[in-house]
Amino acid sequence: MNALFGSFDNAQVAVLQLTFDVICQELGIDAADEQRRSRIAASVIALAKTGQFDPDHIKVQAVSQLRADEGERTI
């Protein structure tokens, strides 16, 4: 168990990290944009806490949430 992520196992953390990285890359969000990265991470973790670990589902939901937060049209 990874203490940083609570009850997520190593495989789940790897899926979440990869999904987070893909979202940031596809949206062109670099490491300097801490605010947007933090919002994406919060969405990814919130979905995982509900038992969602499908990368495609997480990506769609996290991007939709970010865009809604920023006042953009969701996908």
N, C-alpha and C. Protein backbone atom coordinates (compact mmCIF):
# COMPACT_ATOMS: atom_id res chain seq x y z
N MET A 1 0.85 -1.18 0.00
CA MET A 1 0.00 0.00 0.00
C MET A 1 0.89 1.24 0.00
N ASN A 2 0.54 2.21 -0.79
CA ASN A 2 1.27 3.45 -0.88
C ASN A 2 0.61 4.46 0.06
N ALA A 3 1.32 4.89 1.09
CA ALA A 3 0.74 5.77 2.10
C ALA A 3 0.26 7.10 1.51
N LEU A 4 0.94 7.59 0.51
CA LEU A 4 0.56 8.86 -0.10
C LEU A 4 -0.83 8.79 -0.71
N PHE A 5 -1.19 7.65 -1.25
CA PHE A 5 -2.45 7.51 -1.94
C PHE A 5 -3.47 6.68 -1.18
N GLY A 6 -3.25 6.48 0.12
CA GLY A 6 -4.23 5.76 0.92
C GLY A 6 -4.29 4.30 0.56
N SER A 7 -5.47 3.85 0.16
CA SER A 7 -5.67 2.42 -0.06
C SER A 7 -5.47 1.98 -1.51
N PHE A 8 -4.92 2.80 -2.36
CA PHE A 8 -4.65 2.39 -3.74
C PHE A 8 -3.39 1.53 -3.77
N ASP A 9 -3.45 0.45 -4.55
CA ASP A 9 -2.26 -0.38 -4.67
C ASP A 9 -1.34 0.19 -5.77
N ASN A 10 -0.18 -0.40 -5.90
CA ASN A 10 0.82 0.11 -6.85
C ASN A 10 0.31 0.12 -8.29
N ALA A 11 -0.43 -0.91 -8.69
CA ALA A 11 -0.96 -0.97 -10.05
C ALA A 11 -1.98 0.14 -10.29
N GLN A 12 -2.81 0.39 -9.30
CA GLN A 12 -3.81 1.45 -9.42
C GLN A 12 -3.13 2.82 -9.49
N VAL A 13 -2.13 3.04 -8.66
CA VAL A 13 -1.39 4.31 -8.68
C VAL A 13 -0.73 4.50 -10.04
N ALA A 14 -0.20 3.43 -10.62
CA ALA A 14 0.42 3.52 -11.94
C ALA A 14 -0.59 3.93 -13.00
N VAL A 15 -1.80 3.37 -12.95
CA VAL A 15 -2.86 3.73 -13.89
C VAL A 15 -3.23 5.20 -13.72
N LEU A 16 -3.38 5.62 -12.48
CA LEU A 16 -3.77 7.01 -12.22
C LEU A 16 -2.69 7.98 -12.68
N GLN A 17 -1.43 7.65 -12.43
CA GLN A 17 -0.32 8.51 -12.85
C GLN A 17 -0.25 8.62 -14.36
N LEU A 18 -0.36 7.48 -15.04
CA LEU A 18 -0.32 7.49 -16.50
C LEU A 18 -1.49 8.28 -17.07
N THR A 19 -2.67 8.09 -16.51
CA THR A 19 -3.85 8.81 -16.97
C THR A 19 -3.67 10.31 -16.77
N PHE A 20 -3.18 10.70 -15.61
CA PHE A 20 -2.91 12.11 -15.32
C PHE A 20 -1.92 12.68 -16.33
N ASP A 21 -0.83 11.95 -16.58
CA ASP A 21 0.18 12.41 -17.53
C ASP A 21 -0.40 12.58 -18.94
N VAL A 22 -1.22 11.63 -19.37
CA VAL A 22 -1.84 11.70 -20.70
C VAL A 22 -2.77 12.91 -20.80
N ILE A 23 -3.57 13.13 -19.77
CA ILE A 23 -4.48 14.29 -19.77
C ILE A 23 -3.67 15.58 -19.92
N CYS A 24 -2.66 15.73 -19.09
CA CYS A 24 -1.85 16.96 -19.15
C CYS A 24 -1.18 17.12 -20.50
N GLN A 25 -0.65 16.04 -21.04
CA GLN A 25 0.02 16.11 -22.34
C GLN A 25 -0.97 16.50 -23.43
N GLU A 26 -2.13 15.84 -23.46
CA GLU A 26 -3.11 16.12 -24.51
C GLU A 26 -3.66 17.54 -24.43
N LEU A 27 -3.73 18.11 -23.23
CA LEU A 27 -4.23 19.47 -23.07
C LEU A 27 -3.12 20.51 -23.14
N GLY A 28 -1.87 20.06 -23.28
CA GLY A 28 -0.75 20.99 -23.35
C GLY A 28 -0.46 21.68 -22.03
N ILE A 29 -0.74 20.99 -20.93
CA ILE A 29 -0.52 21.56 -19.61
C ILE A 29 0.86 21.12 -19.12
N ASP A 30 1.74 22.10 -18.93
CA ASP A 30 3.10 21.75 -18.50
C ASP A 30 3.23 21.80 -16.98
N ALA A 31 4.39 21.41 -16.51
CA ALA A 31 4.62 21.30 -15.06
C ALA A 31 4.49 22.64 -14.34
N ALA A 32 4.70 23.74 -15.06
CA ALA A 32 4.61 25.06 -14.44
C ALA A 32 3.17 25.48 -14.12
N ASP A 33 2.21 24.85 -14.77
CA ASP A 33 0.80 25.20 -14.56
C ASP A 33 0.24 24.39 -13.38
N GLU A 34 0.71 24.75 -12.20
CA GLU A 34 0.36 24.00 -11.00
C GLU A 34 -1.13 24.02 -10.69
N GLN A 35 -1.79 25.12 -10.96
CA GLN A 35 -3.21 25.23 -10.65
C GLN A 35 -4.05 24.23 -11.46
N ARG A 36 -3.83 24.19 -12.76
CA ARG A 36 -4.60 23.26 -13.60
C ARG A 36 -4.21 21.81 -13.32
N ARG A 37 -2.92 21.56 -13.10
CA ARG A 37 -2.47 20.20 -12.78
C ARG A 37 -3.09 19.73 -11.47
N SER A 38 -3.18 20.63 -10.52
CA SER A 38 -3.78 20.28 -9.22
C SER A 38 -5.27 19.94 -9.38
N ARG A 39 -5.98 20.70 -10.19
CA ARG A 39 -7.41 20.42 -10.42
C ARG A 39 -7.60 19.09 -11.13
N ILE A 40 -6.74 18.79 -12.10
CA ILE A 40 -6.83 17.51 -12.80
C ILE A 40 -6.53 16.37 -11.82
N ALA A 41 -5.49 16.52 -11.03
CA ALA A 41 -5.13 15.48 -10.06
C ALA A 41 -6.29 15.24 -9.09
N ALA A 42 -6.91 16.30 -8.62
CA ALA A 42 -8.04 16.15 -7.69
C ALA A 42 -9.18 15.38 -8.34
N SER A 43 -9.46 15.66 -9.60
CA SER A 43 -10.53 14.95 -10.31
C SER A 43 -10.18 13.47 -10.49
N VAL A 44 -8.94 13.20 -10.87
CA VAL A 44 -8.50 11.82 -11.08
C VAL A 44 -8.61 11.04 -9.76
N ILE A 45 -8.14 11.62 -8.68
CA ILE A 45 -8.19 10.94 -7.39
C ILE A 45 -9.62 10.77 -6.90
N ALA A 46 -10.45 11.78 -7.10
CA ALA A 46 -11.86 11.67 -6.68
C ALA A 46 -12.55 10.52 -7.41
N LEU A 47 -12.29 10.39 -8.70
CA LEU A 47 -12.87 9.28 -9.46
C LEU A 47 -12.35 7.94 -8.96
N ALA A 48 -11.06 7.87 -8.67
CA ALA A 48 -10.48 6.62 -8.17
C ALA A 48 -11.08 6.24 -6.82
N LYS A 49 -11.37 7.21 -6.01
CA LYS A 49 -11.97 6.92 -4.70
C LYS A 49 -13.36 6.31 -4.82
N THR A 50 -14.00 6.50 -5.98
CA THR A 50 -15.31 5.88 -6.20
C THR A 50 -15.16 4.50 -6.84
N GLY A 51 -13.90 4.09 -7.07
CA GLY A 51 -13.64 2.78 -7.66
C GLY A 51 -13.42 2.80 -9.16
N GLN A 52 -13.33 3.99 -9.73
CA GLN A 52 -13.16 4.12 -11.18
C GLN A 52 -11.67 4.11 -11.52
N PHE A 53 -11.24 3.11 -12.30
CA PHE A 53 -9.85 3.03 -12.71
C PHE A 53 -9.70 2.84 -14.21
N ASP A 54 -10.79 3.03 -14.96
CA ASP A 54 -10.71 2.95 -16.42
C ASP A 54 -10.11 4.26 -16.94
N PRO A 55 -8.93 4.20 -17.54
CA PRO A 55 -8.25 5.43 -17.97
C PRO A 55 -9.09 6.30 -18.91
N ASP A 56 -9.81 5.68 -19.84
CA ASP A 56 -10.62 6.46 -20.78
C ASP A 56 -11.75 7.19 -20.06
N HIS A 57 -12.40 6.51 -19.15
CA HIS A 57 -13.49 7.14 -18.39
C HIS A 57 -12.95 8.27 -17.52
N ILE A 58 -11.85 8.00 -16.83
CA ILE A 58 -11.25 9.03 -15.97
C ILE A 58 -10.88 10.25 -16.81
N LYS A 59 -10.28 10.01 -17.96
CA LYS A 59 -9.85 11.11 -18.83
C LYS A 59 -11.03 11.97 -19.25
N VAL A 60 -12.08 11.35 -19.73
CA VAL A 60 -13.26 12.10 -20.18
C VAL A 60 -13.85 12.91 -19.03
N GLN A 61 -13.99 12.29 -17.88
CA GLN A 61 -14.60 12.97 -16.74
C GLN A 61 -13.72 14.10 -16.21
N ALA A 62 -12.41 13.85 -16.10
CA ALA A 62 -11.50 14.87 -15.58
C ALA A 62 -11.40 16.07 -16.52
N VAL A 63 -11.31 15.80 -17.82
CA VAL A 63 -11.25 16.90 -18.80
C VAL A 63 -12.56 17.68 -18.80
N SER A 64 -13.67 16.99 -18.73
CA SER A 64 -14.97 17.66 -18.68
C SER A 64 -15.07 18.55 -17.45
N GLN A 65 -14.61 18.04 -16.31
CA GLN A 65 -14.65 18.83 -15.08
C GLN A 65 -13.76 20.06 -15.18
N LEU A 66 -12.55 19.89 -15.71
CA LEU A 66 -11.64 21.02 -15.86
C LEU A 66 -12.26 22.08 -16.76
N ARG A 67 -12.81 21.65 -17.87
CA ARG A 67 -13.41 22.61 -18.80
C ARG A 67 -14.63 23.30 -18.19
N ALA A 68 -15.41 22.56 -17.44
CA ALA A 68 -16.56 23.17 -16.76
C ALA A 68 -16.08 24.20 -15.73
N ASP A 69 -15.03 23.86 -15.00
CA ASP A 69 -14.47 24.79 -14.03
C ASP A 69 -13.95 26.06 -14.69
N GLU A 70 -13.48 25.89 -15.92
CA GLU A 70 -12.90 27.04 -16.65
C GLU A 70 -13.94 27.72 -17.54
N GLY A 71 -15.17 27.23 -17.50
CA GLY A 71 -16.24 27.85 -18.27
C GLY A 71 -16.24 27.49 -19.73
N GLU A 72 -15.60 26.38 -20.08
CA GLU A 72 -15.57 25.93 -21.47
C GLU A 72 -16.63 24.86 -21.69
N ARG A 73 -16.88 24.58 -22.93
CA ARG A 73 -17.79 23.49 -23.31
C ARG A 73 -17.16 22.15 -22.94
N THR A 74 -17.93 21.28 -22.33
CA THR A 74 -17.43 19.95 -21.97
C THR A 74 -17.51 19.02 -23.17
N ILE A 75 -16.70 17.94 -23.13
CA ILE A 75 -16.73 16.95 -24.22
C ILE A 75 -17.69 15.84 -23.90
